[in-house]
């Protein structure tokens, strides 16, 4: 399935580069939706200076809670990779030490 929009945004986070107040990346997490089958998906979009033009991705789960949990891990994994590319200089408003506040997949 290919998504072109996150749909209804239920959570977002602005990520900036260390020492800047400008938004470098914007994370959007959409409302979990049910597939035509019984499972659910959660749309995720990370847009910004080095990301794939804000391509909308999704995670899937057995129910909407699992889809949301996995969506947060998806966003965290993307940001983890971007932060490595940026030399660990990405920050969000709630932390100045490099923790971007999202779980990362193991």
N, C-alpha and C. Protein backbone atom coordinates (compact mmCIF):
# COMPACT_ATOMS: atom_id res chain seq x y z
N UNK A 1 0.85 -1.18 0.00
CA UNK A 1 0.00 0.00 0.00
C UNK A 1 0.89 1.24 0.00
N UNK A 2 0.56 2.19 -0.82
CA UNK A 2 1.30 3.45 -0.87
C UNK A 2 0.41 4.57 -0.38
N UNK A 3 0.93 5.38 0.54
CA UNK A 3 0.19 6.51 1.10
C UNK A 3 0.76 7.81 0.55
N UNK A 4 -0.12 8.76 0.31
CA UNK A 4 0.32 10.07 -0.16
C UNK A 4 0.16 11.14 0.92
N UNK A 5 -0.55 10.80 1.99
CA UNK A 5 -0.75 11.75 3.08
C UNK A 5 -0.80 11.01 4.41
N UNK A 6 -0.45 11.71 5.47
CA UNK A 6 -0.54 11.14 6.81
C UNK A 6 -1.99 11.10 7.27
N UNK A 7 -2.83 11.92 6.67
CA UNK A 7 -4.22 12.02 7.12
C UNK A 7 -4.28 12.87 8.38
N UNK A 8 -5.16 12.51 9.30
CA UNK A 8 -5.32 13.26 10.54
C UNK A 8 -4.07 13.08 11.41
N UNK A 9 -3.36 14.18 11.66
CA UNK A 9 -2.15 14.14 12.47
C UNK A 9 -2.55 14.11 13.95
N UNK A 10 -2.07 13.09 14.66
CA UNK A 10 -2.39 13.00 16.09
C UNK A 10 -1.20 13.40 16.96
N UNK A 11 -0.01 13.47 16.36
CA UNK A 11 1.18 13.89 17.11
C UNK A 11 2.22 14.40 16.14
N UNK A 12 2.99 15.39 16.58
CA UNK A 12 4.07 15.91 15.75
C UNK A 12 5.21 16.38 16.65
N UNK A 13 6.38 16.44 16.06
CA UNK A 13 7.55 16.91 16.80
C UNK A 13 8.47 17.63 15.83
N UNK A 14 8.95 18.78 16.28
CA UNK A 14 9.92 19.54 15.49
C UNK A 14 11.32 19.21 16.00
N UNK A 15 12.20 18.91 15.06
CA UNK A 15 13.59 18.58 15.36
C UNK A 15 14.45 19.69 14.76
N UNK A 16 15.41 20.15 15.53
CA UNK A 16 16.30 21.22 15.05
C UNK A 16 17.74 20.77 15.15
N UNK A 17 18.61 21.48 14.49
CA UNK A 17 20.04 21.24 14.62
C UNK A 17 20.54 21.99 15.84
N UNK A 18 21.50 21.41 16.53
CA UNK A 18 22.08 22.03 17.72
C UNK A 18 22.52 23.46 17.42
N UNK A 19 22.13 24.38 18.30
CA UNK A 19 22.51 25.78 18.13
C UNK A 19 21.60 26.57 17.22
N UNK A 20 20.54 25.95 16.71
CA UNK A 20 19.61 26.63 15.80
C UNK A 20 18.20 26.53 16.35
N UNK A 21 17.40 27.53 16.07
CA UNK A 21 15.99 27.48 16.42
C UNK A 21 15.11 27.10 15.24
N UNK A 22 15.73 26.94 14.08
CA UNK A 22 15.00 26.58 12.86
C UNK A 22 14.68 25.08 12.86
N UNK A 23 13.52 24.74 12.34
CA UNK A 23 13.14 23.33 12.23
C UNK A 23 13.94 22.67 11.11
N UNK A 24 14.66 21.61 11.46
CA UNK A 24 15.40 20.85 10.46
C UNK A 24 14.55 19.71 9.92
N UNK A 25 13.75 19.09 10.82
CA UNK A 25 12.88 17.98 10.45
C UNK A 25 11.56 18.12 11.20
N UNK A 26 10.51 17.70 10.54
CA UNK A 26 9.19 17.68 11.16
C UNK A 26 8.67 16.25 11.09
N UNK A 27 8.35 15.70 12.25
CA UNK A 27 7.81 14.36 12.36
C UNK A 27 6.30 14.47 12.54
N UNK A 28 5.55 13.74 11.72
CA UNK A 28 4.09 13.68 11.86
C UNK A 28 3.67 12.23 12.00
N UNK A 29 2.83 11.96 12.98
CA UNK A 29 2.27 10.62 13.17
C UNK A 29 0.77 10.74 12.99
N UNK A 30 0.23 9.91 12.10
CA UNK A 30 -1.19 9.98 11.79
C UNK A 30 -2.02 9.03 12.63
N UNK A 31 -3.30 9.24 12.58
CA UNK A 31 -4.27 8.41 13.29
C UNK A 31 -4.23 6.99 12.73
N UNK A 32 -4.06 5.98 13.58
CA UNK A 32 -4.08 4.60 13.08
C UNK A 32 -5.42 4.30 12.39
N UNK A 33 -5.32 3.54 11.30
CA UNK A 33 -6.49 3.18 10.49
C UNK A 33 -6.50 1.67 10.30
N UNK A 34 -7.68 1.14 10.01
CA UNK A 34 -7.78 -0.30 9.78
C UNK A 34 -7.61 -0.61 8.30
N UNK A 35 -6.78 -1.62 8.02
CA UNK A 35 -6.68 -2.16 6.66
C UNK A 35 -8.03 -2.79 6.32
N UNK A 36 -8.28 -3.09 5.05
CA UNK A 36 -9.49 -3.86 4.71
C UNK A 36 -9.53 -5.21 5.44
N UNK A 37 -8.34 -5.74 5.74
CA UNK A 37 -8.29 -6.95 6.57
C UNK A 37 -8.49 -6.53 8.02
N UNK A 38 -8.14 -7.36 8.96
CA UNK A 38 -8.37 -7.06 10.37
C UNK A 38 -7.28 -6.19 10.99
N UNK A 39 -6.10 -6.11 10.39
CA UNK A 39 -4.97 -5.40 10.98
C UNK A 39 -5.10 -3.88 10.80
N UNK A 40 -4.18 -3.16 11.47
CA UNK A 40 -4.18 -1.70 11.45
C UNK A 40 -2.84 -1.18 10.94
N UNK A 41 -2.84 0.07 10.48
CA UNK A 41 -1.60 0.74 10.09
C UNK A 41 -1.58 2.14 10.68
N UNK A 42 -0.37 2.66 10.86
CA UNK A 42 -0.19 4.00 11.40
C UNK A 42 0.73 4.78 10.47
N UNK A 43 0.23 5.84 9.83
CA UNK A 43 1.06 6.63 8.91
C UNK A 43 2.09 7.46 9.68
N UNK A 44 3.29 7.58 9.08
CA UNK A 44 4.39 8.34 9.66
C UNK A 44 5.06 9.12 8.55
N UNK A 45 5.38 10.38 8.83
CA UNK A 45 6.10 11.20 7.86
C UNK A 45 7.19 11.98 8.57
N UNK A 46 8.40 11.91 8.02
CA UNK A 46 9.51 12.73 8.49
C UNK A 46 9.95 13.56 7.30
N UNK A 47 9.78 14.85 7.40
CA UNK A 47 10.16 15.72 6.28
C UNK A 47 11.22 16.70 6.77
N UNK A 48 12.07 17.10 5.85
CA UNK A 48 13.11 18.05 6.21
C UNK A 48 14.22 18.08 5.20
N UNK A 49 15.33 18.65 5.63
CA UNK A 49 16.41 18.96 4.71
C UNK A 49 17.08 17.76 4.06
N UNK A 50 17.17 16.62 4.74
CA UNK A 50 17.85 15.46 4.16
C UNK A 50 16.95 14.25 3.99
N UNK A 51 15.68 14.40 4.17
CA UNK A 51 14.78 13.24 4.11
C UNK A 51 14.10 13.19 2.75
N UNK A 52 13.65 12.05 2.36
CA UNK A 52 13.09 11.71 1.06
C UNK A 52 11.83 12.51 0.74
N UNK A 53 11.93 13.82 0.68
CA UNK A 53 10.81 14.71 0.34
C UNK A 53 9.55 14.42 1.15
N UNK A 54 9.73 13.98 2.37
CA UNK A 54 8.58 13.76 3.24
C UNK A 54 7.72 12.58 2.84
N UNK A 55 8.33 11.54 2.29
CA UNK A 55 7.59 10.34 1.90
C UNK A 55 6.80 9.82 3.10
N UNK A 56 5.55 9.44 2.87
CA UNK A 56 4.71 8.89 3.93
C UNK A 56 4.91 7.39 3.99
N UNK A 57 5.27 6.90 5.17
CA UNK A 57 5.46 5.48 5.40
C UNK A 57 4.43 5.04 6.43
N UNK A 58 4.41 3.77 6.74
CA UNK A 58 3.49 3.31 7.77
C UNK A 58 4.03 2.07 8.45
N UNK A 59 3.55 1.86 9.65
CA UNK A 59 3.82 0.62 10.39
C UNK A 59 2.48 -0.10 10.50
N UNK A 60 2.55 -1.40 10.68
CA UNK A 60 1.32 -2.20 10.79
C UNK A 60 1.33 -2.98 12.09
N UNK A 61 0.15 -3.17 12.66
CA UNK A 61 0.02 -3.93 13.89
C UNK A 61 -1.29 -4.68 13.94
N UNK A 62 -1.40 -5.55 14.91
CA UNK A 62 -2.61 -6.34 15.08
C UNK A 62 -3.78 -5.46 15.47
N UNK A 63 -3.50 -4.43 16.29
CA UNK A 63 -4.55 -3.48 16.66
C UNK A 63 -3.98 -2.06 16.54
N UNK A 64 -4.80 -1.07 16.79
CA UNK A 64 -4.37 0.31 16.60
C UNK A 64 -3.28 0.73 17.57
N UNK A 65 -3.27 0.17 18.78
CA UNK A 65 -2.22 0.50 19.75
C UNK A 65 -0.87 -0.01 19.26
N UNK A 66 -0.82 -1.26 18.80
CA UNK A 66 0.45 -1.79 18.31
C UNK A 66 0.91 -1.03 17.07
N UNK A 67 0.00 -0.69 16.18
CA UNK A 67 0.37 0.09 14.99
C UNK A 67 0.97 1.43 15.40
N UNK A 68 0.38 2.08 16.42
CA UNK A 68 0.90 3.36 16.91
C UNK A 68 2.28 3.19 17.55
N UNK A 69 2.43 2.17 18.39
CA UNK A 69 3.73 1.91 19.01
C UNK A 69 4.82 1.70 17.96
N UNK A 70 4.50 0.90 16.96
CA UNK A 70 5.48 0.63 15.91
C UNK A 70 5.72 1.85 15.03
N UNK A 71 4.70 2.69 14.87
CA UNK A 71 4.87 3.94 14.14
C UNK A 71 5.84 4.87 14.84
N UNK A 72 5.77 4.91 16.17
CA UNK A 72 6.71 5.74 16.93
C UNK A 72 8.12 5.19 16.81
N UNK A 73 8.26 3.86 16.78
CA UNK A 73 9.58 3.26 16.58
C UNK A 73 10.10 3.54 15.18
N UNK A 74 9.21 3.52 14.20
CA UNK A 74 9.61 3.84 12.83
C UNK A 74 10.16 5.26 12.76
N UNK A 75 9.43 6.22 13.34
CA UNK A 75 9.89 7.61 13.36
C UNK A 75 11.21 7.72 14.12
N UNK A 76 11.32 7.03 15.25
CA UNK A 76 12.55 7.05 16.03
C UNK A 76 13.74 6.49 15.27
N UNK A 77 13.52 5.41 14.53
CA UNK A 77 14.59 4.82 13.72
C UNK A 77 15.06 5.75 12.61
N UNK A 78 14.12 6.41 11.96
CA UNK A 78 14.47 7.37 10.91
C UNK A 78 15.30 8.50 11.50
N UNK A 79 14.84 9.06 12.63
CA UNK A 79 15.58 10.15 13.27
C UNK A 79 16.94 9.70 13.77
N UNK A 80 17.03 8.47 14.28
CA UNK A 80 18.31 7.94 14.73
C UNK A 80 19.31 7.95 13.58
N UNK A 81 18.90 7.46 12.41
CA UNK A 81 19.77 7.46 11.24
C UNK A 81 20.14 8.87 10.79
N UNK A 82 19.17 9.77 10.79
CA UNK A 82 19.45 11.15 10.40
C UNK A 82 20.41 11.81 11.39
N UNK A 83 20.23 11.51 12.68
CA UNK A 83 21.10 12.10 13.70
C UNK A 83 22.53 11.61 13.52
N UNK A 84 22.71 10.35 13.17
CA UNK A 84 24.06 9.84 12.90
C UNK A 84 24.68 10.57 11.71
N UNK A 85 23.87 10.80 10.67
CA UNK A 85 24.35 11.52 9.49
C UNK A 85 24.74 12.95 9.83
N UNK A 86 24.05 13.53 10.80
CA UNK A 86 24.29 14.92 11.21
C UNK A 86 25.32 15.03 12.33
N UNK A 87 26.02 13.95 12.63
CA UNK A 87 27.04 13.98 13.67
C UNK A 87 26.47 14.11 15.08
N UNK A 88 25.24 13.62 15.29
CA UNK A 88 24.64 13.68 16.63
C UNK A 88 24.20 15.07 17.06
N UNK A 89 23.94 15.94 16.11
CA UNK A 89 23.63 17.34 16.42
C UNK A 89 22.14 17.67 16.40
N UNK A 90 21.27 16.66 16.23
CA UNK A 90 19.84 16.94 16.22
C UNK A 90 19.30 17.01 17.64
N UNK A 91 18.35 17.91 17.85
CA UNK A 91 17.75 18.13 19.17
C UNK A 91 16.26 18.37 19.01
N UNK A 92 15.53 18.16 20.10
CA UNK A 92 14.13 18.59 20.18
C UNK A 92 13.99 19.43 21.42
N UNK A 93 12.89 20.13 21.54
CA UNK A 93 12.69 21.09 22.62
C UNK A 93 12.85 20.49 24.01
N UNK A 94 12.53 19.21 24.19
CA UNK A 94 12.55 18.59 25.50
C UNK A 94 13.88 18.03 25.94
N UNK A 95 14.94 18.14 25.11
CA UNK A 95 16.21 17.55 25.50
C UNK A 95 17.35 18.25 24.77
N UNK A 96 18.40 18.53 25.48
CA UNK A 96 19.57 19.17 24.89
C UNK A 96 20.76 18.22 24.79
N UNK A 97 20.57 16.94 25.11
CA UNK A 97 21.68 16.00 25.14
C UNK A 97 21.66 14.99 24.00
N UNK A 98 20.77 15.13 23.04
CA UNK A 98 20.77 14.25 21.88
C UNK A 98 19.72 13.14 21.92
N UNK A 99 18.91 13.06 22.98
CA UNK A 99 17.82 12.10 23.02
C UNK A 99 16.64 12.72 22.29
N UNK A 100 16.23 12.14 21.19
CA UNK A 100 15.18 12.75 20.37
C UNK A 100 13.79 12.39 20.84
N UNK A 101 13.71 11.67 21.98
CA UNK A 101 12.42 11.44 22.63
C UNK A 101 11.50 10.45 21.96
N UNK A 102 12.03 9.63 21.07
CA UNK A 102 11.23 8.59 20.42
C UNK A 102 11.96 7.27 20.58
N UNK A 103 11.21 6.17 20.72
CA UNK A 103 11.88 4.88 20.83
C UNK A 103 12.55 4.52 19.52
N UNK A 104 13.64 3.79 19.62
CA UNK A 104 14.31 3.32 18.41
C UNK A 104 14.22 1.80 18.36
N UNK A 105 14.06 1.25 17.16
CA UNK A 105 14.00 -0.21 17.07
C UNK A 105 15.34 -0.82 17.43
N UNK A 106 15.29 -1.98 18.04
CA UNK A 106 16.53 -2.67 18.46
C UNK A 106 17.07 -3.46 17.29
